[in-house]
């Protein structure tokens, strides 16, 4: 199989995809050409009052039917063409389409007057399209063949070797025997053909090369981002070590292991302990985000949702009892199918959402965790009647380090990274997450918030 692929495009799937998209574009365009040829025949007869012979009309109708038939074959076979350099690929498919189209166009041009019909300029249109897809040497070869065959037809008509198909009403008299007319039109035709090929192919090649350069630059940026994330993990891990030590020392002092301490000092040390814990949590979140972004793949195991959610709810039992929060779990799934995913990452996501609900719901609040199944995914809603989320903050809530405006001046601890991590985890599993406030449990004083997650089974 002759390779039509430029040497610089062998390694790029995006190049193949763009060629394949243009092949489909040509197929769809060909359906329009069939309709236009039908319109040409009808308008020529009833509006322009052109006179075709019976053989001309029959030939044009047969040609149009054949175009439709081979286009249906192309449309069916398009999906089976593989993006492989050494076999029949989208470039070969493009060339095959062009051969069929040019053959049909030669017949149309011949039966509508050859040099006398304005339709012969459609060859230029085909060359422009071909120049966007095929390599330079191929399209120049095709252009040369087009010019040769077209000249062969018009000069064979001039010499009387083949009959001329005259259209009555288009010209006052036949011009296919007028040498000056033939020469002038032919020179302009050749000039336009090769100039169109040169300009279009040159621009298309430059665009393809720029696209490949952009892809290479993107890969370099991706590699740099990976290195940056690794660097961040290393740095924050080093920062975490002394902070953890400080937190442990504060814990020892506050537990009065080294002896009694003054109440005022104890209060300030307690604040320092809270702040050090907040710093450690922030470092842990940064490490989690960095690790998550470094993952090219995640582990897919069979997971039963209750095995993830119920233990997380039990971990909150002390907080629920202290704050007198009523948390209900409703499993409305009918099939109760397992999902496939990374259990560790999903535990992080659900732990964050349930933990936030407990944190922001307030004393004597209400939380509901509902599970419903659909045909292709499972839907989990975590809903509360807590402080809610201001409408202006809804669109920013999943942004790194963003904290809602109604909690900044209050004593709620947090880094603003939790929901960003949740969103990344759910999207890595092919799912989606959305938020609304007020929730179905909310009221004017306690609007609450509702987070809805959809995770596909596969």
Protein backbone atom coordinates (compact mmCIF):
# COMPACT_ATOMS: atom_id res chain seq x y z
CA UNK A 1 0.00 0.00 0.00
CA UNK A 2 1.41 3.40 -1.05
CA UNK A 3 1.93 5.68 1.94
CA UNK A 4 0.35 9.13 1.54
CA UNK A 5 1.21 10.30 5.04
CA UNK A 6 3.66 13.21 5.51
CA UNK A 7 6.70 12.15 7.56
CA UNK A 8 5.91 14.72 10.25
CA UNK A 9 2.39 13.34 10.81
CA UNK A 10 3.09 9.65 11.43
CA UNK A 11 2.90 9.88 15.21
CA UNK A 12 -0.13 12.12 15.63
CA UNK A 13 -3.65 10.76 16.14
CA UNK A 14 -5.05 14.29 15.84
CA UNK A 15 -3.84 14.45 12.22
CA UNK A 16 -5.79 11.30 11.39
CA UNK A 17 -8.86 12.58 13.19
CA UNK A 18 -8.85 15.84 11.24
CA UNK A 19 -8.54 13.97 7.92
CA UNK A 20 -11.35 11.62 8.91
CA UNK A 21 -13.60 14.55 9.87
CA UNK A 22 -12.97 16.16 6.49
CA UNK A 23 -13.81 12.88 4.76
CA UNK A 24 -17.18 12.89 6.50
CA UNK A 25 -17.60 16.53 5.55
CA UNK A 26 -17.06 15.57 1.88
CA UNK A 27 -19.64 12.80 2.18
CA UNK A 28 -22.24 15.19 3.57
CA UNK A 29 -21.35 17.76 0.93
CA UNK A 30 -21.88 15.16 -1.80
CA UNK A 31 -25.50 14.70 -0.72
CA UNK A 32 -25.93 18.42 -1.32
CA UNK A 33 -24.30 18.06 -4.75
CA UNK A 34 -26.89 15.42 -5.71
CA UNK A 35 -29.70 17.78 -4.74
CA UNK A 36 -28.04 20.67 -6.61
CA UNK A 37 -27.67 18.62 -9.81
CA UNK A 38 -31.37 17.78 -9.66
CA UNK A 39 -32.08 21.47 -9.15
CA UNK A 40 -29.81 22.35 -12.08
CA UNK A 41 -31.73 20.05 -14.42
CA UNK A 42 -35.13 21.36 -13.30
CA UNK A 43 -34.15 25.05 -13.34
CA UNK A 44 -32.38 24.67 -16.70
CA UNK A 45 -35.51 23.27 -18.29
CA UNK A 46 -38.19 25.46 -16.70
CA UNK A 47 -36.43 28.71 -15.70
CA UNK A 48 -33.39 29.16 -17.95
CA UNK A 49 -35.15 27.47 -20.90
CA UNK A 50 -32.07 25.49 -21.87
CA UNK A 51 -32.59 22.63 -24.29
CA UNK A 52 -31.01 19.25 -23.56
CA UNK A 53 -31.23 16.26 -25.84
CA UNK A 54 -32.84 13.08 -24.55
CA UNK A 55 -29.47 11.34 -24.28
CA UNK A 56 -28.04 14.27 -22.28
CA UNK A 57 -30.91 14.22 -19.76
CA UNK A 58 -30.73 10.44 -19.41
CA UNK A 59 -26.94 10.54 -18.92
CA UNK A 60 -27.15 13.28 -16.28
CA UNK A 61 -29.88 11.43 -14.36
CA UNK A 62 -27.84 8.19 -14.39
CA UNK A 63 -24.71 10.06 -13.26
CA UNK A 64 -26.65 11.66 -10.39
CA UNK A 65 -28.01 8.28 -9.26
CA UNK A 66 -24.52 6.78 -9.37
CA UNK A 67 -23.14 9.66 -7.29
CA UNK A 68 -25.82 9.02 -4.67
CA UNK A 69 -25.14 5.27 -4.65
CA UNK A 70 -21.36 5.46 -4.28
CA UNK A 71 -21.77 8.17 -1.66
CA UNK A 72 -23.97 5.84 0.38
CA UNK A 73 -21.22 3.21 0.12
CA UNK A 74 -18.62 5.76 1.25
CA UNK A 75 -20.85 6.84 4.14
CA UNK A 76 -21.26 3.24 5.30
CA UNK A 77 -17.57 2.33 4.99
CA UNK A 78 -16.23 5.59 6.49
CA UNK A 79 -16.52 4.31 10.08
CA UNK A 80 -14.43 1.21 9.31
CA UNK A 81 -11.37 3.08 7.99
CA UNK A 82 -8.47 2.66 10.42
CA UNK A 83 -5.93 5.31 11.35
CA UNK A 84 -2.91 3.22 10.40
CA UNK A 85 0.02 4.34 8.27
CA UNK A 86 0.79 0.96 6.69
CA UNK A 87 -2.77 0.07 5.65
CA UNK A 88 -5.79 1.64 3.97
CA UNK A 89 -6.22 4.84 5.97
CA UNK A 90 -8.22 8.11 5.80
CA UNK A 91 -5.81 9.58 3.21
CA UNK A 92 -6.37 6.64 0.84
CA UNK A 93 -10.09 7.03 1.51
CA UNK A 94 -9.85 10.73 0.55
CA UNK A 95 -8.01 9.91 -2.69
CA UNK A 96 -10.58 7.24 -3.57
CA UNK A 97 -13.41 9.71 -3.04
CA UNK A 98 -11.65 12.23 -5.24
CA UNK A 99 -11.20 9.72 -8.08
CA UNK A 100 -14.92 8.88 -8.06
CA UNK A 101 -15.91 12.55 -7.85
CA UNK A 102 -13.61 13.62 -10.67
CA UNK A 103 -14.87 10.78 -12.90
CA UNK A 104 -18.46 11.87 -12.27
CA UNK A 105 -17.53 15.50 -12.88
CA UNK A 106 -15.83 14.68 -16.19
CA UNK A 107 -19.03 13.00 -17.36
CA UNK A 108 -21.20 15.91 -16.18
CA UNK A 109 -18.93 18.45 -17.86
CA UNK A 110 -18.85 16.45 -21.09
CA UNK A 111 -22.65 16.07 -21.29
CA UNK A 112 -23.21 19.77 -20.54
CA UNK A 113 -20.93 21.16 -23.25
CA UNK A 114 -17.29 20.65 -22.11
CA UNK A 115 -15.47 23.94 -22.76
CA UNK A 116 -18.79 25.74 -23.25
CA UNK A 117 -20.26 24.86 -19.84
CA UNK A 118 -19.47 26.93 -16.74
CA UNK A 119 -19.54 23.68 -14.74
CA UNK A 120 -15.95 22.85 -15.75
CA UNK A 121 -14.82 25.40 -13.12
CA UNK A 122 -15.97 22.89 -10.48
CA UNK A 123 -12.63 21.18 -11.06
CA UNK A 124 -11.07 24.14 -9.23
CA UNK A 125 -13.41 23.55 -6.29
CA UNK A 126 -12.33 19.90 -6.09
CA UNK A 127 -8.68 20.86 -6.20
CA UNK A 128 -9.13 23.27 -3.29
CA UNK A 129 -10.79 20.55 -1.20
CA UNK A 130 -8.15 18.00 -2.19
CA UNK A 131 -5.36 20.42 -1.31
CA UNK A 132 -6.72 20.65 2.24
CA UNK A 133 -6.44 16.89 2.69
CA UNK A 134 -3.86 15.29 0.42
CA UNK A 135 -0.05 15.81 0.46
CA UNK A 136 1.46 18.20 -2.09
CA UNK A 137 2.97 15.65 -4.48
CA UNK A 138 -0.33 13.74 -4.68
CA UNK A 139 -2.54 16.76 -5.30
CA UNK A 140 -0.16 18.19 -7.92
CA UNK A 141 -0.22 14.82 -9.69
CA UNK A 142 -4.03 14.83 -9.58
CA UNK A 143 -4.12 18.41 -10.91
CA UNK A 144 -1.84 17.47 -13.80
CA UNK A 145 -4.05 14.49 -14.69
CA UNK A 146 -7.17 16.71 -14.54
CA UNK A 147 -5.66 19.25 -16.91
CA UNK A 148 -4.47 16.51 -19.27
CA UNK A 149 -7.83 14.69 -19.48
CA UNK A 150 -9.80 17.93 -19.80
CA UNK A 151 -7.56 19.08 -22.65
CA UNK A 152 -7.87 15.65 -24.25
CA UNK A 153 -11.68 15.93 -24.23
CA UNK A 154 -11.91 19.46 -25.60
CA UNK A 155 -9.32 18.91 -28.36
CA UNK A 156 -10.89 15.56 -29.32
CA UNK A 157 -14.16 17.46 -29.72
CA UNK A 158 -12.34 20.15 -31.68
CA UNK A 159 -10.87 17.50 -33.96
CA UNK A 160 -14.24 15.75 -34.31
CA UNK A 161 -12.98 12.50 -32.74
CA UNK A 162 -15.83 12.47 -30.22
CA UNK A 163 -19.24 14.14 -30.57
CA UNK A 164 -19.87 17.51 -28.90
CA UNK A 165 -22.83 17.77 -26.52
CA UNK A 166 -24.37 21.17 -27.29
CA UNK A 167 -26.91 22.82 -24.95
CA UNK A 168 -29.50 24.86 -26.80
CA UNK A 169 -30.21 28.29 -25.36
CA UNK A 170 -26.86 28.66 -23.57
CA UNK A 171 -24.88 30.11 -26.51
CA UNK A 172 -25.99 31.61 -29.80
CA UNK A 173 -23.72 29.19 -31.63
CA UNK A 174 -21.24 26.42 -30.68
CA UNK A 175 -17.75 27.64 -29.73
CA UNK A 176 -15.98 24.31 -29.31
CA UNK A 177 -14.52 24.77 -32.82
CA UNK A 178 -13.25 28.28 -32.05
CA UNK A 179 -9.52 27.74 -31.40
CA UNK A 180 -8.93 31.19 -29.82
CA UNK A 181 -11.87 30.66 -27.46
CA UNK A 182 -10.60 27.21 -26.47
CA UNK A 183 -7.03 28.41 -25.97
CA UNK A 184 -8.02 31.44 -23.86
CA UNK A 185 -10.34 29.45 -21.58
CA UNK A 186 -7.89 26.57 -21.32
CA UNK A 187 -4.94 28.77 -20.31
CA UNK A 188 -7.01 30.50 -17.62
CA UNK A 189 -8.31 27.12 -16.41
CA UNK A 190 -4.78 25.66 -16.09
CA UNK A 191 -3.53 28.79 -14.34
CA UNK A 192 -6.40 28.82 -11.82
CA UNK A 193 -6.06 25.07 -11.14
CA UNK A 194 -2.37 25.17 -10.26
CA UNK A 195 -2.48 28.49 -8.39
CA UNK A 196 -5.40 27.18 -6.28
CA UNK A 197 -3.49 23.99 -5.51
CA UNK A 198 -0.32 25.89 -4.62
CA UNK A 199 -1.96 28.42 -2.31
CA UNK A 200 -4.39 26.03 -0.60
CA UNK A 201 -1.89 23.21 -0.09
CA UNK A 202 0.76 25.60 1.18
CA UNK A 203 -1.63 27.15 3.72
CA UNK A 204 -3.00 23.73 4.77
CA UNK A 205 0.51 22.33 5.28
CA UNK A 206 1.49 25.32 7.41
CA UNK A 207 -1.66 24.92 9.51
CA UNK A 208 -1.03 21.20 9.98
CA UNK A 209 2.56 21.89 11.05
CA UNK A 210 1.44 24.62 13.46
CA UNK A 211 -1.10 22.21 14.91
CA UNK A 212 1.61 19.61 15.49
CA UNK A 213 3.86 22.24 17.08
CA UNK A 214 1.03 23.23 19.41
CA UNK A 215 0.52 19.59 20.36
CA UNK A 216 4.23 19.22 21.10
CA UNK A 217 4.15 22.40 23.18
CA UNK A 218 1.13 21.09 25.06
CA UNK A 219 2.95 17.84 25.83
CA UNK A 220 5.93 19.82 27.12
CA UNK A 221 3.66 21.96 29.30
CA UNK A 222 1.99 18.81 30.60
CA UNK A 223 5.38 17.33 31.48
CA UNK A 224 6.37 20.59 33.20
CA UNK A 225 3.11 20.55 35.17
CA UNK A 226 3.84 16.99 36.27
CA UNK A 227 7.29 18.01 37.48
CA UNK A 228 5.78 20.99 39.27
CA UNK A 229 3.24 18.80 41.07
CA UNK A 230 6.01 16.41 42.14
CA UNK A 231 8.01 19.38 43.42
CA UNK A 232 4.98 20.67 45.34
CA UNK A 233 4.44 17.26 46.95
CA UNK A 234 8.08 17.14 48.04
CA UNK A 235 8.11 20.67 49.46
CA UNK A 236 4.81 20.48 51.35
CA UNK A 237 5.78 17.11 52.78
CA UNK A 238 8.95 18.67 54.18
CA UNK A 239 6.90 21.56 55.62
CA UNK A 240 4.45 19.13 57.19
CA UNK A 241 7.12 17.37 59.28
CA UNK A 242 8.02 20.33 61.58
CA UNK A 243 4.37 21.42 61.78
CA UNK A 244 3.35 17.96 62.92
CA UNK A 245 6.08 18.08 65.56
CA UNK A 246 4.85 21.49 66.78
CA UNK A 247 1.29 20.18 66.92
CA UNK A 248 2.40 17.17 68.94
CA UNK A 249 4.35 19.37 71.41
CA UNK A 250 1.30 21.61 71.85
CA UNK A 251 -0.79 18.54 72.51
CA UNK A 252 1.67 17.37 75.16
CA UNK A 253 1.62 20.79 76.86
CA UNK A 254 -2.18 21.15 76.70
CA UNK A 255 -2.65 17.67 78.16
CA UNK A 256 -0.53 18.98 81.09
CA UNK A 257 1.90 16.10 80.82
CA UNK A 258 4.78 18.46 81.59
CA UNK A 259 2.85 20.16 84.39
CA UNK A 260 0.03 22.67 84.99
CA UNK A 261 -0.27 25.81 82.84
CA UNK A 262 -1.95 29.18 83.26
CA UNK A 263 -5.51 29.49 81.87
CA UNK A 264 -4.63 32.41 79.59
CA UNK A 265 -1.62 30.56 78.24
CA UNK A 266 -3.76 27.44 77.81
CA UNK A 267 -6.31 29.42 75.78
CA UNK A 268 -3.63 30.82 73.49
CA UNK A 269 -1.97 27.43 73.10
CA UNK A 270 -5.36 25.93 72.21
CA UNK A 271 -5.73 28.52 69.45
CA UNK A 272 -2.22 27.71 68.27
CA UNK A 273 -3.12 24.00 68.21
CA UNK A 274 -6.23 24.72 66.12
CA UNK A 275 -4.19 26.81 63.69
CA UNK A 276 -1.45 24.19 63.43
CA UNK A 277 -4.09 21.51 62.79
CA UNK A 278 -5.61 23.77 60.10
CA UNK A 279 -2.15 24.16 58.48
CA UNK A 280 -1.59 20.39 58.52
CA UNK A 281 -5.03 19.82 56.96
CA UNK A 282 -4.21 22.36 54.27
CA UNK A 283 -0.92 20.57 53.52
CA UNK A 284 -2.74 17.24 53.33
CA UNK A 285 -5.25 18.72 50.89
CA UNK A 286 -2.48 20.20 48.72
CA UNK A 287 -0.74 16.80 48.64
CA UNK A 288 -4.00 15.08 47.73
CA UNK A 289 -4.70 17.54 44.91
CA UNK A 290 -1.16 17.17 43.58
CA UNK A 291 -1.31 13.38 43.70
CA UNK A 292 -4.72 13.34 42.06
CA UNK A 293 -3.52 15.54 39.21
CA UNK A 294 -0.50 13.32 38.71
CA UNK A 295 -2.64 10.22 38.24
CA UNK A 296 -2.91 9.24 34.61
CA UNK A 297 -5.06 6.27 35.53
CA UNK A 298 -7.10 5.26 38.56
CA UNK A 299 -7.74 1.82 39.95
CA UNK A 300 -11.11 0.36 38.98
CA UNK A 301 -12.50 -2.15 41.47
CA UNK A 302 -16.02 -3.45 42.06
CA UNK A 303 -17.48 -1.20 44.77
CA UNK A 304 -20.75 -1.47 46.68
CA UNK A 305 -21.72 2.06 47.71
CA UNK A 306 -23.00 1.08 51.15
CA UNK A 307 -19.55 -0.31 51.96
CA UNK A 308 -18.14 3.18 51.38
CA UNK A 309 -20.87 5.49 52.72
CA UNK A 310 -22.06 3.66 55.87
CA UNK A 311 -18.57 3.50 57.52
CA UNK A 312 -18.10 7.23 56.79
CA UNK A 313 -21.43 8.01 58.48
CA UNK A 314 -20.44 5.91 61.51
CA UNK A 315 -17.21 7.91 61.82
CA UNK A 316 -19.36 11.03 62.26
CA UNK A 317 -21.46 9.47 65.03
CA UNK A 318 -19.77 11.44 67.83
CA UNK A 319 -20.27 14.78 66.07
CA UNK A 320 -23.85 13.84 65.22
CA UNK A 321 -24.60 13.03 68.84
CA UNK A 322 -22.90 16.14 70.24
CA UNK A 323 -24.66 18.51 67.78
CA UNK A 324 -27.94 16.52 67.96
CA UNK A 325 -28.02 16.15 64.17
CA UNK A 326 -30.46 13.75 62.56
CA UNK A 327 -28.77 11.99 59.63
CA UNK A 328 -30.83 9.59 57.53
CA UNK A 329 -29.62 7.27 54.78
CA UNK A 330 -32.14 6.26 52.14
CA UNK A 331 -31.20 3.60 49.61
CA UNK A 332 -33.78 3.90 46.83
CA UNK A 333 -31.86 1.76 44.34
CA UNK A 334 -33.83 -1.06 42.77
CA UNK A 335 -30.97 -2.96 41.12
CA UNK A 336 -28.21 -2.04 43.57
CA UNK A 337 -25.52 -2.58 40.97
CA UNK A 338 -21.87 -2.15 41.92
CA UNK A 339 -19.90 0.70 40.43
CA UNK A 340 -16.31 0.50 39.23
CA UNK A 341 -13.86 2.92 40.75
CA UNK A 342 -11.06 3.72 43.13
CA UNK A 343 -12.39 3.05 46.63
CA UNK A 344 -9.77 5.22 48.35
CA UNK A 345 -10.53 8.25 46.17
CA UNK A 346 -14.30 7.80 46.49
CA UNK A 347 -13.94 7.60 50.27
CA UNK A 348 -12.15 10.96 50.17
CA UNK A 349 -14.96 12.48 48.09
CA UNK A 350 -17.87 11.19 50.21
CA UNK A 351 -16.04 11.88 53.46
CA UNK A 352 -15.56 15.49 52.40
CA UNK A 353 -19.22 16.00 51.45
CA UNK A 354 -20.64 14.27 54.54
CA UNK A 355 -18.10 16.06 56.76
CA UNK A 356 -19.07 19.44 55.27
CA UNK A 357 -22.77 18.72 55.84
CA UNK A 358 -22.09 17.90 59.51
CA UNK A 359 -19.85 20.97 59.89
CA UNK A 360 -22.23 23.52 58.38
CA UNK A 361 -25.64 22.15 59.37
CA UNK A 362 -25.51 23.48 62.94
CA UNK A 363 -27.04 21.99 66.08
CA UNK A 364 -30.29 20.03 65.74
CA UNK A 365 -29.88 20.06 61.98
CA UNK A 366 -31.02 17.53 59.43
CA UNK A 367 -28.98 15.66 56.80
CA UNK A 368 -30.20 13.21 54.18
CA UNK A 369 -28.10 10.90 52.03
CA UNK A 370 -30.21 9.46 49.19
CA UNK A 371 -29.13 6.88 46.61
CA UNK A 372 -31.06 6.24 43.38
CA UNK A 373 -30.12 4.17 40.36
CA UNK A 374 -30.62 4.98 36.67
CA UNK A 375 -29.95 2.95 33.55
CA UNK A 376 -26.31 4.00 33.18
CA UNK A 377 -25.34 5.57 36.51
CA UNK A 378 -26.07 5.82 40.19
CA UNK A 379 -27.17 9.13 41.71
CA UNK A 380 -26.20 10.14 45.25
CA UNK A 381 -27.67 13.26 46.86
CA UNK A 382 -26.22 14.68 50.09
CA UNK A 383 -28.63 17.28 51.39
CA UNK A 384 -28.80 19.38 54.57
CA UNK A 385 -30.62 22.34 56.10
CA UNK A 386 -27.50 24.21 57.21
CA UNK A 387 -26.21 27.69 56.44
CA UNK A 388 -26.42 27.13 52.66
CA UNK A 389 -24.38 28.70 49.88
CA UNK A 390 -24.97 32.27 48.59
CA UNK A 391 -26.21 32.32 44.99
CA UNK A 392 -23.21 34.41 43.88
CA UNK A 393 -20.85 31.69 45.16
CA UNK A 394 -22.52 28.66 43.55
CA UNK A 395 -20.44 28.90 40.34
CA UNK A 396 -17.15 29.23 42.26
CA UNK A 397 -17.66 26.60 44.94
CA UNK A 398 -15.49 23.96 43.19
CA UNK A 399 -12.56 26.36 42.64
CA UNK A 400 -9.26 25.71 44.45
CA UNK A 401 -8.99 27.56 47.81
CA UNK A 402 -12.42 29.18 47.42
CA UNK A 403 -14.52 29.54 50.54
CA UNK A 404 -18.11 30.79 50.50
CA UNK A 405 -18.66 34.39 51.58
CA UNK A 406 -21.03 33.41 54.41
CA UNK A 407 -18.37 31.42 56.32
CA UNK A 408 -15.27 33.60 55.97
CA UNK A 409 -16.06 35.72 59.05
CA UNK A 410 -17.13 32.74 61.16
CA UNK A 411 -15.14 30.14 63.05
CA UNK A 412 -15.51 27.37 60.47
CA UNK A 413 -12.17 25.75 59.74
CA UNK A 414 -11.17 24.76 56.25
CA UNK A 415 -8.78 25.28 53.34
CA UNK A 416 -11.16 25.71 50.41
CA UNK A 417 -9.66 22.73 48.62
CA UNK A 418 -12.10 20.02 49.66
CA UNK A 419 -14.81 20.52 47.03
CA UNK A 420 -12.19 21.00 44.32
CA UNK A 421 -10.78 17.57 45.20
CA UNK A 422 -14.28 16.05 45.22
CA UNK A 423 -15.05 17.39 41.76
CA UNK A 424 -11.78 16.08 40.33
CA UNK A 425 -12.35 12.63 41.84
CA UNK A 426 -15.90 12.32 40.52
CA UNK A 427 -14.91 13.54 37.05
CA UNK A 428 -11.98 11.07 37.02
CA UNK A 429 -14.64 8.37 37.42
CA UNK A 430 -16.53 9.74 34.41
CA UNK A 431 -19.23 11.25 36.61
CA UNK A 432 -20.54 14.70 37.44
CA UNK A 433 -21.35 16.77 40.51
CA UNK A 434 -23.77 19.67 40.89
CA UNK A 435 -24.86 21.84 43.80
CA UNK A 436 -28.00 23.78 44.60
CA UNK A 437 -28.96 26.05 47.48
CA UNK A 438 -31.47 26.30 49.10
CA UNK A 439 -32.04 22.56 49.35
CA UNK A 440 -35.24 20.56 49.61
CA UNK A 441 -34.74 20.46 53.41
CA UNK A 442 -34.10 24.19 53.69
CA UNK A 443 -36.15 27.06 55.04
CA UNK A 444 -35.65 30.84 55.26
CA UNK A 445 -33.45 30.67 58.36
CA UNK A 446 -31.60 27.52 57.28
CA UNK A 447 -31.52 27.31 53.46
CA UNK A 448 -29.15 24.35 53.34
CA UNK A 449 -27.31 22.91 50.35
CA UNK A 450 -27.73 19.85 48.15
CA UNK A 451 -24.89 18.08 46.33
CA UNK A 452 -25.90 15.61 43.61
CA UNK A 453 -23.31 13.16 42.28
CA UNK A 454 -23.76 10.89 39.28
CA UNK A 455 -21.28 8.05 38.85
CA UNK A 456 -21.54 5.71 35.84
CA UNK A 457 -21.50 1.97 36.43
CA UNK A 458 -18.76 1.52 33.83
